[in-house]
């Protein structure tokens, strides 16, 4: 884990060049899974560094303190919540600008619709925003150029996943915990 976190910290300047908004970039399909997962591990590792009295992480000739590792995690959480070039929250229901065309049956088919498994395409192809909000769902996220196409047919970016949401809950919990580890960082 040290090697991967050190790599992310060392490559931050390069990441910012590749992805102007600062998101950790690995793959275009569900791009947020990698950034959120890395950020969650960074929070866990920064807490470990403090608890084990590890003053720094040495990687590629640079020293990183626990707060440096934690700041990497904060930057990724901020990106997901809207501090990005699109000023878009990728957490459905958070802020004023979030995805309206989430690739999710429960969000896109009206509650009172009489439907079967075979006629969901009528709603998939609709140009109207989802009639139901998948509040708290984290969608797949942006492309490498910091753009997001808000379309139900764009499952690469608009499909929410339980692993994105679960890691994001873990990430935010780690950032706001009231343990002695966090208190020590103030």
N, C-alpha and C. Protein backbone atom coordinates (compact mmCIF):
# COMPACT_ATOMS: atom_id res chain seq x y z
N UNK A 1 0.83 -1.18 0.00
CA UNK A 1 0.00 0.00 0.00
C UNK A 1 0.87 1.25 0.00
N UNK A 2 1.99 1.22 0.71
CA UNK A 2 2.88 2.39 0.74
C UNK A 2 3.30 2.77 -0.67
N UNK A 3 3.67 1.78 -1.47
CA UNK A 3 4.14 2.07 -2.82
C UNK A 3 3.08 2.76 -3.66
N UNK A 4 1.83 2.28 -3.59
CA UNK A 4 0.76 2.86 -4.40
C UNK A 4 0.44 4.28 -3.95
N UNK A 5 0.35 4.51 -2.65
CA UNK A 5 0.06 5.85 -2.15
C UNK A 5 1.22 6.79 -2.48
N UNK A 6 2.45 6.32 -2.31
CA UNK A 6 3.60 7.13 -2.67
C UNK A 6 3.59 7.48 -4.15
N UNK A 7 3.21 6.53 -4.98
CA UNK A 7 3.12 6.77 -6.42
C UNK A 7 2.10 7.87 -6.72
N UNK A 8 0.94 7.81 -6.06
CA UNK A 8 -0.09 8.81 -6.29
C UNK A 8 0.38 10.19 -5.83
N UNK A 9 1.05 10.24 -4.69
CA UNK A 9 1.55 11.52 -4.20
C UNK A 9 2.63 12.07 -5.13
N UNK A 10 3.54 11.22 -5.54
CA UNK A 10 4.64 11.64 -6.41
C UNK A 10 4.13 12.11 -7.76
N UNK A 11 3.08 11.47 -8.26
CA UNK A 11 2.56 11.79 -9.59
C UNK A 11 1.51 12.89 -9.59
N UNK A 12 1.27 13.54 -8.48
CA UNK A 12 0.21 14.56 -8.45
C UNK A 12 0.41 15.64 -9.49
N UNK A 13 1.64 16.09 -9.67
CA UNK A 13 1.89 17.11 -10.70
C UNK A 13 1.58 16.55 -12.08
N UNK A 14 1.99 15.31 -12.33
CA UNK A 14 1.71 14.69 -13.62
C UNK A 14 0.22 14.44 -13.78
N UNK A 15 -0.45 14.03 -12.71
CA UNK A 15 -1.89 13.80 -12.77
C UNK A 15 -2.60 15.10 -13.11
N UNK A 16 -2.19 16.18 -12.46
CA UNK A 16 -2.82 17.47 -12.75
C UNK A 16 -2.61 17.86 -14.21
N UNK A 17 -1.49 17.50 -14.79
CA UNK A 17 -1.26 17.81 -16.20
C UNK A 17 -2.16 16.95 -17.09
N UNK A 18 -2.35 15.70 -16.72
CA UNK A 18 -3.19 14.82 -17.52
C UNK A 18 -4.67 15.13 -17.33
N UNK A 19 -5.02 15.44 -16.11
CA UNK A 19 -6.41 15.66 -15.75
C UNK A 19 -6.47 17.01 -15.05
N UNK A 20 -6.79 18.04 -15.79
CA UNK A 20 -6.66 19.41 -15.31
C UNK A 20 -7.33 19.63 -13.96
N UNK A 21 -8.41 18.93 -13.70
CA UNK A 21 -9.12 19.11 -12.44
C UNK A 21 -8.48 18.42 -11.25
N UNK A 22 -7.48 17.56 -11.47
CA UNK A 22 -6.76 16.93 -10.38
C UNK A 22 -7.26 15.56 -9.95
N UNK A 23 -8.17 14.96 -10.70
CA UNK A 23 -8.67 13.64 -10.34
C UNK A 23 -7.64 12.58 -10.69
N UNK A 24 -7.44 11.62 -9.79
CA UNK A 24 -6.57 10.49 -10.08
C UNK A 24 -7.20 9.74 -11.25
N UNK A 25 -6.41 9.51 -12.28
CA UNK A 25 -6.95 8.91 -13.51
C UNK A 25 -6.31 7.55 -13.77
N UNK A 26 -7.17 6.53 -13.97
CA UNK A 26 -6.68 5.21 -14.31
C UNK A 26 -7.33 4.70 -15.59
N UNK A 27 -8.65 4.83 -15.68
CA UNK A 27 -9.40 4.24 -16.78
C UNK A 27 -10.66 5.05 -17.03
N UNK A 28 -11.11 5.11 -18.28
CA UNK A 28 -12.29 5.91 -18.59
C UNK A 28 -13.60 5.29 -18.16
N UNK A 29 -13.67 3.97 -18.00
CA UNK A 29 -14.91 3.33 -17.61
C UNK A 29 -15.05 3.44 -16.09
N UNK A 30 -16.07 4.17 -15.63
CA UNK A 30 -16.30 4.38 -14.21
C UNK A 30 -15.04 4.95 -13.55
N UNK A 31 -14.60 6.08 -14.05
CA UNK A 31 -13.32 6.66 -13.63
C UNK A 31 -13.25 6.98 -12.14
N UNK A 32 -14.38 7.25 -11.51
CA UNK A 32 -14.34 7.61 -10.09
C UNK A 32 -14.00 6.44 -9.18
N UNK A 33 -14.22 5.21 -9.62
CA UNK A 33 -13.93 4.08 -8.73
C UNK A 33 -12.47 4.07 -8.30
N UNK A 34 -11.57 4.46 -9.21
CA UNK A 34 -10.14 4.45 -8.90
C UNK A 34 -9.76 5.61 -7.99
N UNK A 35 -10.29 6.77 -8.28
CA UNK A 35 -9.97 7.95 -7.48
C UNK A 35 -10.52 7.81 -6.06
N UNK A 36 -11.77 7.35 -5.95
CA UNK A 36 -12.39 7.20 -4.63
C UNK A 36 -11.70 6.08 -3.85
N UNK A 37 -11.42 4.96 -4.51
CA UNK A 37 -10.74 3.86 -3.83
C UNK A 37 -9.36 4.27 -3.34
N UNK A 38 -8.61 4.98 -4.18
CA UNK A 38 -7.28 5.46 -3.79
C UNK A 38 -7.37 6.45 -2.63
N UNK A 39 -8.35 7.33 -2.69
CA UNK A 39 -8.52 8.32 -1.62
C UNK A 39 -8.88 7.66 -0.30
N UNK A 40 -9.75 6.64 -0.36
CA UNK A 40 -10.11 5.90 0.85
C UNK A 40 -8.86 5.26 1.46
N UNK A 41 -8.06 4.61 0.63
CA UNK A 41 -6.82 3.99 1.13
C UNK A 41 -5.86 5.04 1.69
N UNK A 42 -5.83 6.21 1.08
CA UNK A 42 -4.96 7.28 1.58
C UNK A 42 -5.38 7.72 2.98
N UNK A 43 -6.69 7.80 3.22
CA UNK A 43 -7.17 8.16 4.57
C UNK A 43 -6.77 7.08 5.57
N UNK A 44 -7.01 5.83 5.21
CA UNK A 44 -6.66 4.72 6.10
C UNK A 44 -5.16 4.73 6.38
N UNK A 45 -4.36 4.93 5.33
CA UNK A 45 -2.90 4.90 5.51
C UNK A 45 -2.42 6.10 6.32
N UNK A 46 -3.01 7.27 6.12
CA UNK A 46 -2.57 8.43 6.92
C UNK A 46 -2.90 8.20 8.40
N UNK A 47 -4.04 7.58 8.68
CA UNK A 47 -4.38 7.25 10.07
C UNK A 47 -3.39 6.22 10.63
N UNK A 48 -3.03 5.24 9.80
CA UNK A 48 -2.04 4.24 10.22
C UNK A 48 -0.69 4.92 10.51
N UNK A 49 -0.29 5.84 9.65
CA UNK A 49 0.99 6.53 9.85
C UNK A 49 1.00 7.25 11.20
N UNK A 50 -0.10 7.90 11.51
CA UNK A 50 -0.13 8.61 12.79
C UNK A 50 -0.14 7.63 13.96
N UNK A 51 -1.02 6.63 13.89
CA UNK A 51 -1.15 5.68 15.00
C UNK A 51 0.14 4.90 15.24
N UNK A 52 0.88 4.61 14.19
CA UNK A 52 2.12 3.86 14.33
C UNK A 52 3.33 4.76 14.52
N UNK A 53 3.06 6.06 14.61
CA UNK A 53 4.13 7.05 14.78
C UNK A 53 5.13 7.01 13.62
N UNK A 54 4.60 6.79 12.43
CA UNK A 54 5.42 6.82 11.22
C UNK A 54 5.41 8.27 10.73
N UNK A 55 6.51 8.99 10.87
CA UNK A 55 6.50 10.43 10.60
C UNK A 55 6.39 10.80 9.13
N UNK A 56 6.81 9.89 8.26
CA UNK A 56 6.76 10.22 6.84
C UNK A 56 6.77 8.94 6.00
N UNK A 57 6.38 9.14 4.76
CA UNK A 57 6.44 8.12 3.73
C UNK A 57 7.49 8.61 2.74
N UNK A 58 8.49 7.79 2.47
CA UNK A 58 9.54 8.15 1.53
C UNK A 58 9.25 7.47 0.21
N UNK A 59 9.18 8.25 -0.86
CA UNK A 59 8.89 7.68 -2.17
C UNK A 59 9.54 8.54 -3.25
N UNK A 60 10.31 7.90 -4.10
CA UNK A 60 10.97 8.58 -5.22
C UNK A 60 11.71 9.85 -4.82
N UNK A 61 12.40 9.77 -3.71
CA UNK A 61 13.23 10.89 -3.29
C UNK A 61 12.49 11.99 -2.54
N UNK A 62 11.21 11.78 -2.25
CA UNK A 62 10.44 12.80 -1.53
C UNK A 62 9.87 12.22 -0.24
N UNK A 63 9.71 13.10 0.75
CA UNK A 63 9.10 12.71 2.02
C UNK A 63 7.69 13.27 2.10
N UNK A 64 6.76 12.43 2.53
CA UNK A 64 5.36 12.85 2.70
C UNK A 64 4.93 12.55 4.12
N UNK A 65 4.39 13.56 4.77
CA UNK A 65 3.86 13.41 6.12
C UNK A 65 2.42 12.90 6.05
N UNK A 66 1.87 12.44 7.17
CA UNK A 66 0.48 11.96 7.17
C UNK A 66 -0.52 12.98 6.60
N UNK A 67 -0.30 14.26 6.87
CA UNK A 67 -1.23 15.27 6.34
C UNK A 67 -1.14 15.38 4.82
N UNK A 68 0.03 15.13 4.26
CA UNK A 68 0.16 15.14 2.79
C UNK A 68 -0.68 14.03 2.18
N UNK A 69 -0.64 12.87 2.81
CA UNK A 69 -1.42 11.73 2.33
C UNK A 69 -2.91 12.03 2.47
N UNK A 70 -3.27 12.63 3.59
CA UNK A 70 -4.68 12.97 3.83
C UNK A 70 -5.16 14.04 2.85
N UNK A 71 -4.31 15.00 2.53
CA UNK A 71 -4.69 16.05 1.58
C UNK A 71 -4.98 15.47 0.18
N UNK A 72 -4.28 14.42 -0.18
CA UNK A 72 -4.59 13.73 -1.44
C UNK A 72 -6.03 13.21 -1.39
N UNK A 73 -6.41 12.62 -0.28
CA UNK A 73 -7.77 12.10 -0.12
C UNK A 73 -8.80 13.23 -0.16
N UNK A 74 -8.51 14.32 0.51
CA UNK A 74 -9.42 15.46 0.52
C UNK A 74 -9.62 16.00 -0.90
N UNK A 75 -8.54 16.07 -1.67
CA UNK A 75 -8.65 16.61 -3.03
C UNK A 75 -9.58 15.76 -3.89
N UNK A 76 -9.55 14.45 -3.70
CA UNK A 76 -10.41 13.57 -4.48
C UNK A 76 -11.87 13.69 -4.05
N UNK A 77 -12.10 13.78 -2.74
CA UNK A 77 -13.47 13.97 -2.23
C UNK A 77 -14.03 15.30 -2.73
N UNK A 78 -13.22 16.35 -2.68
CA UNK A 78 -13.65 17.66 -3.18
C UNK A 78 -14.02 17.61 -4.65
N UNK A 79 -13.23 16.89 -5.44
CA UNK A 79 -13.52 16.76 -6.87
C UNK A 79 -14.89 16.11 -7.06
N UNK A 80 -15.13 15.01 -6.38
CA UNK A 80 -16.41 14.29 -6.51
C UNK A 80 -17.57 15.19 -6.13
N UNK A 81 -17.40 16.03 -5.13
CA UNK A 81 -18.49 16.87 -4.62
C UNK A 81 -18.66 18.18 -5.39
N UNK A 82 -17.85 18.42 -6.42
CA UNK A 82 -18.10 19.58 -7.27
C UNK A 82 -16.96 20.54 -7.46
N UNK A 83 -15.84 20.35 -6.79
CA UNK A 83 -14.69 21.22 -7.00
C UNK A 83 -13.89 20.67 -8.19
N UNK A 84 -14.45 20.87 -9.37
CA UNK A 84 -13.87 20.34 -10.60
C UNK A 84 -14.23 21.30 -11.74
N UNK A 85 -13.62 21.15 -12.90
CA UNK A 85 -13.87 22.09 -14.00
C UNK A 85 -15.33 22.21 -14.43
N UNK A 86 -16.14 21.19 -14.22
CA UNK A 86 -17.56 21.25 -14.60
C UNK A 86 -18.43 21.80 -13.47
N UNK A 87 -17.82 22.03 -12.30
CA UNK A 87 -18.59 22.45 -11.13
C UNK A 87 -19.78 21.53 -10.91
N UNK A 88 -19.55 20.24 -11.10
CA UNK A 88 -20.61 19.24 -10.99
C UNK A 88 -20.30 18.27 -9.86
N UNK A 89 -21.30 18.02 -9.04
CA UNK A 89 -21.20 16.98 -8.04
C UNK A 89 -21.55 15.67 -8.71
N UNK A 90 -20.72 14.67 -8.50
CA UNK A 90 -21.00 13.34 -9.04
C UNK A 90 -21.75 12.48 -8.03
N UNK A 91 -22.13 13.10 -6.91
CA UNK A 91 -22.97 12.48 -5.89
C UNK A 91 -24.39 13.00 -6.13
N UNK A 92 -25.27 12.14 -6.60
CA UNK A 92 -26.62 12.55 -6.98
C UNK A 92 -27.34 13.16 -5.78
N UNK A 93 -27.88 14.34 -5.99
CA UNK A 93 -28.63 15.04 -4.95
C UNK A 93 -27.81 16.01 -4.14
N UNK A 94 -26.50 16.06 -4.34
CA UNK A 94 -25.65 16.95 -3.58
C UNK A 94 -25.36 18.20 -4.40
N UNK A 95 -25.63 19.36 -3.85
CA UNK A 95 -25.37 20.61 -4.53
C UNK A 95 -26.44 20.96 -5.55
N UNK A 96 -26.17 21.97 -6.35
CA UNK A 96 -27.13 22.43 -7.34
C UNK A 96 -26.95 21.79 -8.70
N UNK A 97 -25.76 21.26 -8.97
CA UNK A 97 -25.46 20.71 -10.29
C UNK A 97 -24.97 19.27 -10.12
N UNK A 98 -25.84 18.32 -10.41
CA UNK A 98 -25.50 16.91 -10.33
C UNK A 98 -26.20 16.18 -11.48
N UNK A 99 -25.80 14.95 -11.80
CA UNK A 99 -26.40 14.23 -12.93
C UNK A 99 -27.92 14.09 -12.82
N UNK A 100 -28.59 14.37 -13.93
CA UNK A 100 -30.06 14.29 -13.99
C UNK A 100 -30.54 13.07 -14.76
N UNK A 101 -29.65 12.43 -15.50
CA UNK A 101 -30.00 11.30 -16.36
C UNK A 101 -29.21 10.06 -15.96
N UNK A 102 -29.34 9.67 -14.71
CA UNK A 102 -28.59 8.55 -14.17
C UNK A 102 -29.05 7.25 -14.84
N UNK A 103 -28.09 6.42 -15.22
CA UNK A 103 -28.36 5.13 -15.87
C UNK A 103 -28.78 4.12 -14.81
N UNK A 104 -30.06 4.19 -14.41
CA UNK A 104 -30.56 3.36 -13.31
C UNK A 104 -32.06 3.20 -13.48
N UNK A 105 -32.55 1.97 -13.56
CA UNK A 105 -33.99 1.74 -13.78
C UNK A 105 -34.85 2.41 -12.71
N UNK A 106 -34.46 2.28 -11.47
CA UNK A 106 -35.26 2.85 -10.40
C UNK A 106 -35.38 4.36 -10.47
N UNK A 107 -34.39 5.00 -11.05
CA UNK A 107 -34.43 6.46 -11.18
C UNK A 107 -35.14 6.90 -12.45
N UNK A 108 -35.07 6.09 -13.50
CA UNK A 108 -35.56 6.55 -14.80
C UNK A 108 -36.98 6.12 -15.15
N UNK A 109 -37.54 5.13 -14.47
CA UNK A 109 -38.90 4.68 -14.76
C UNK A 109 -39.85 5.26 -13.71
N UNK A 110 -40.91 5.93 -14.14
CA UNK A 110 -41.86 6.52 -13.18
C UNK A 110 -42.42 5.47 -12.21
N UNK A 111 -42.66 5.90 -11.00
CA UNK A 111 -43.15 5.00 -9.95
C UNK A 111 -44.45 4.33 -10.33
N UNK A 112 -45.34 5.07 -10.97
CA UNK A 112 -46.66 4.53 -11.30
C UNK A 112 -46.72 3.84 -12.67
N UNK A 113 -45.59 3.59 -13.28
CA UNK A 113 -45.57 2.97 -14.61
C UNK A 113 -45.93 1.49 -14.52
N UNK A 114 -46.72 1.05 -15.46
CA UNK A 114 -47.05 -0.37 -15.58
C UNK A 114 -46.08 -0.92 -16.63
N UNK A 115 -45.06 -1.62 -16.17
CA UNK A 115 -43.99 -2.01 -17.08
C UNK A 115 -43.51 -3.43 -16.80
N UNK A 116 -42.82 -3.98 -17.76
CA UNK A 116 -42.19 -5.29 -17.60
C UNK A 116 -40.70 -5.13 -17.90
N UNK A 117 -39.99 -6.21 -17.85
CA UNK A 117 -38.54 -6.17 -18.08
C UNK A 117 -38.18 -5.74 -19.50
N UNK A 118 -39.06 -5.95 -20.43
CA UNK A 118 -38.73 -5.72 -21.84
C UNK A 118 -39.05 -4.32 -22.36
N UNK A 119 -39.79 -3.52 -21.62
CA UNK A 119 -40.13 -2.21 -22.19
C UNK A 119 -39.47 -1.05 -21.46
N UNK A 120 -38.38 -1.30 -20.77
CA UNK A 120 -37.64 -0.23 -20.11
C UNK A 120 -36.93 0.71 -21.06
N UNK A 121 -36.74 0.28 -22.32
CA UNK A 121 -36.03 1.12 -23.28
C UNK A 121 -36.79 2.41 -23.58
N UNK A 122 -38.09 2.40 -23.41
CA UNK A 122 -38.89 3.61 -23.61
C UNK A 122 -38.39 4.72 -22.69
N UNK A 123 -38.05 4.37 -21.46
CA UNK A 123 -37.54 5.36 -20.51
C UNK A 123 -36.04 5.56 -20.66
N UNK A 124 -35.33 4.52 -21.03
CA UNK A 124 -33.89 4.67 -21.25
C UNK A 124 -33.62 5.72 -22.32
N UNK A 125 -34.43 5.73 -23.35
CA UNK A 125 -34.23 6.64 -24.47
C UNK A 125 -34.98 7.97 -24.33
N UNK A 126 -35.66 8.18 -23.25
CA UNK A 126 -36.39 9.42 -23.03
C UNK A 126 -35.43 10.61 -22.88
N UNK A 127 -35.84 11.75 -23.36
CA UNK A 127 -35.01 12.96 -23.22
C UNK A 127 -35.36 13.75 -21.96
N UNK A 128 -36.36 13.27 -21.21
CA UNK A 128 -36.75 13.95 -19.96
C UNK A 128 -35.83 13.50 -18.83
N UNK A 129 -35.55 14.41 -17.89
CA UNK A 129 -34.75 14.02 -16.72
C UNK A 129 -35.43 12.87 -15.96
N UNK A 130 -34.66 12.16 -15.19
CA UNK A 130 -35.20 11.06 -14.40
C UNK A 130 -36.35 11.54 -13.52
N UNK A 131 -37.46 10.79 -13.47
CA UNK A 131 -38.57 11.18 -12.61
C UNK A 131 -38.27 10.93 -11.13
N UNK A 132 -37.31 10.07 -10.84
CA UNK A 132 -36.94 9.75 -9.46
C UNK A 132 -35.45 10.00 -9.29
N UNK A 133 -35.07 10.50 -8.15
CA UNK A 133 -33.65 10.76 -7.89
C UNK A 133 -33.04 9.59 -7.12
N UNK A 134 -31.89 9.18 -7.54
CA UNK A 134 -31.12 8.15 -6.83
C UNK A 134 -30.20 8.88 -5.85
N UNK A 135 -30.82 9.53 -4.87
CA UNK A 135 -30.08 10.36 -3.92
C UNK A 135 -28.98 9.53 -3.24
N UNK A 136 -27.79 10.07 -3.23
CA UNK A 136 -26.66 9.41 -2.59
C UNK A 136 -25.88 8.49 -3.50
N UNK A 137 -26.36 8.28 -4.71
CA UNK A 137 -25.63 7.43 -5.66
C UNK A 137 -24.45 8.20 -6.23
N UNK A 138 -23.33 7.53 -6.38
CA UNK A 138 -22.16 8.13 -7.02
C UNK A 138 -22.07 7.52 -8.42
N UNK A 139 -22.14 8.37 -9.43
CA UNK A 139 -22.08 7.90 -10.81
C UNK A 139 -20.63 7.59 -11.20
N UNK A 140 -20.44 7.12 -12.43
CA UNK A 140 -19.12 6.71 -12.89
C UNK A 140 -18.10 7.83 -12.99
N UNK A 141 -18.55 9.02 -13.35
CA UNK A 141 -17.64 10.16 -13.37
C UNK A 141 -17.20 10.63 -14.73
N UNK A 142 -16.26 11.56 -14.76
CA UNK A 142 -15.87 12.24 -16.00
C UNK A 142 -14.90 11.46 -16.87
N UNK A 143 -14.76 11.96 -18.08
CA UNK A 143 -13.73 11.46 -18.99
C UNK A 143 -12.40 12.13 -18.64
N UNK A 144 -11.34 11.72 -19.29
CA UNK A 144 -10.00 12.24 -19.04
C UNK A 144 -9.91 13.75 -19.22
N UNK A 145 -10.73 14.32 -20.10
CA UNK A 145 -10.68 15.76 -20.33
C UNK A 145 -11.62 16.54 -19.42
N UNK A 146 -12.00 15.93 -18.30
CA UNK A 146 -12.86 16.56 -17.29
C UNK A 146 -14.25 16.88 -17.81
N UNK A 147 -14.77 16.11 -18.75
CA UNK A 147 -16.13 16.33 -19.25
C UNK A 147 -17.03 15.18 -18.82
N UNK A 148 -18.30 15.48 -18.77
CA UNK A 148 -19.30 14.48 -18.38
C UNK A 148 -20.50 14.64 -19.30
N UNK A 149 -20.92 13.56 -19.92
CA UNK A 149 -22.09 13.57 -20.79
C UNK A 149 -23.25 13.00 -19.99
N UNK A 150 -24.19 13.85 -19.63
CA UNK A 150 -25.32 13.46 -18.78
C UNK A 150 -26.40 12.82 -19.65
N UNK A 151 -26.27 11.53 -19.85
CA UNK A 151 -27.20 10.78 -20.70
C UNK A 151 -27.39 9.38 -20.11
N UNK A 152 -28.65 8.94 -20.04
CA UNK A 152 -28.93 7.60 -19.54
C UNK A 152 -28.24 6.51 -20.36
N UNK A 153 -28.06 6.76 -21.65
CA UNK A 153 -27.40 5.77 -22.50
C UNK A 153 -25.89 5.74 -22.31
N UNK A 154 -25.35 6.62 -21.54
CA UNK A 154 -23.92 6.70 -21.29
C UNK A 154 -23.60 5.95 -20.00
N UNK A 155 -23.68 4.64 -20.05
CA UNK A 155 -23.45 3.86 -18.83
C UNK A 155 -22.00 3.96 -18.35
N UNK A 156 -21.08 4.31 -19.23
CA UNK A 156 -19.68 4.46 -18.85
C UNK A 156 -19.51 5.55 -17.79
N UNK A 157 -20.30 6.61 -17.89
CA UNK A 157 -20.18 7.73 -16.97
C UNK A 157 -21.38 7.86 -16.03
N UNK A 158 -22.57 7.51 -16.48
CA UNK A 158 -23.79 7.83 -15.74
C UNK A 158 -24.33 6.70 -14.87
N UNK A 159 -23.68 5.55 -14.88
CA UNK A 159 -24.20 4.44 -14.09
C UNK A 159 -23.65 4.50 -12.67
N UNK A 160 -24.55 4.54 -11.67
CA UNK A 160 -24.07 4.51 -10.28
C UNK A 160 -23.72 3.08 -9.89
N UNK A 161 -22.78 2.95 -8.99
CA UNK A 161 -22.39 1.62 -8.53
C UNK A 161 -22.33 1.59 -7.01
N UNK A 162 -22.60 0.42 -6.45
CA UNK A 162 -22.53 0.30 -5.00
C UNK A 162 -21.10 0.44 -4.50
N UNK A 163 -20.12 -0.01 -5.29
CA UNK A 163 -18.74 0.10 -4.82
C UNK A 163 -18.27 1.54 -4.82
N UNK A 164 -18.72 2.37 -5.75
CA UNK A 164 -18.37 3.80 -5.68
C UNK A 164 -19.00 4.42 -4.44
N UNK A 165 -20.27 4.16 -4.23
CA UNK A 165 -20.98 4.75 -3.09
C UNK A 165 -20.39 4.26 -1.77
N UNK A 166 -20.09 2.96 -1.68
CA UNK A 166 -19.56 2.41 -0.43
C UNK A 166 -18.19 3.00 -0.10
N UNK A 167 -17.30 3.04 -1.10
CA UNK A 167 -15.98 3.64 -0.87
C UNK A 167 -16.11 5.12 -0.52
N UNK A 168 -17.07 5.80 -1.14
CA UNK A 168 -17.22 7.23 -0.86
C UNK A 168 -17.71 7.45 0.57
N UNK A 169 -18.62 6.62 1.03
CA UNK A 169 -19.06 6.70 2.43
C UNK A 169 -17.87 6.46 3.36
N UNK A 170 -17.06 5.45 3.03
CA UNK A 170 -15.87 5.18 3.83
C UNK A 170 -14.88 6.33 3.82
N UNK A 171 -14.70 6.92 2.64
CA UNK A 171 -13.79 8.06 2.51
C UNK A 171 -14.27 9.23 3.36
N UNK A 172 -15.53 9.61 3.20
CA UNK A 172 -16.05 10.75 3.97
C UNK A 172 -16.04 10.45 5.46
N UNK A 173 -16.37 9.23 5.85
CA UNK A 173 -16.34 8.86 7.26
C UNK A 173 -14.93 8.99 7.82
N UNK A 174 -13.94 8.56 7.04
CA UNK A 174 -12.56 8.68 7.47
C UNK A 174 -12.10 10.12 7.59
N UNK A 175 -12.67 10.98 6.77
CA UNK A 175 -12.27 12.40 6.81
C UNK A 175 -12.94 13.17 7.93
N UNK A 176 -14.08 12.74 8.38
CA UNK A 176 -14.80 13.49 9.42
C UNK A 176 -14.87 12.76 10.75
N UNK A 177 -14.18 11.65 10.88
CA UNK A 177 -14.24 10.88 12.11
C UNK A 177 -13.82 11.72 13.32
N UNK A 178 -14.30 11.32 14.46
CA UNK A 178 -13.96 12.06 15.68
C UNK A 178 -12.91 11.31 16.49
N UNK A 179 -12.18 10.41 15.86
CA UNK A 179 -11.14 9.66 16.57
C UNK A 179 -9.97 10.57 16.93
N UNK A 180 -9.13 10.07 17.78
CA UNK A 180 -7.94 10.85 18.18
C UNK A 180 -7.00 11.07 17.01
N UNK A 181 -7.07 10.21 16.00
CA UNK A 181 -6.19 10.36 14.84
C UNK A 181 -6.48 11.69 14.15
N UNK A 182 -7.75 11.98 13.91
CA UNK A 182 -8.11 13.21 13.21
C UNK A 182 -7.82 14.42 14.09
N UNK A 183 -8.13 14.32 15.35
CA UNK A 183 -7.89 15.44 16.26
C UNK A 183 -6.40 15.81 16.23
N UNK A 184 -5.54 14.81 16.10
CA UNK A 184 -4.11 15.07 16.11
C UNK A 184 -3.64 15.84 14.88
N UNK A 185 -4.42 15.84 13.81
CA UNK A 185 -4.02 16.54 12.60
C UNK A 185 -4.36 18.02 12.64
N UNK A 186 -5.06 18.47 13.64
CA UNK A 186 -5.45 19.88 13.69
C UNK A 186 -4.40 20.72 14.36
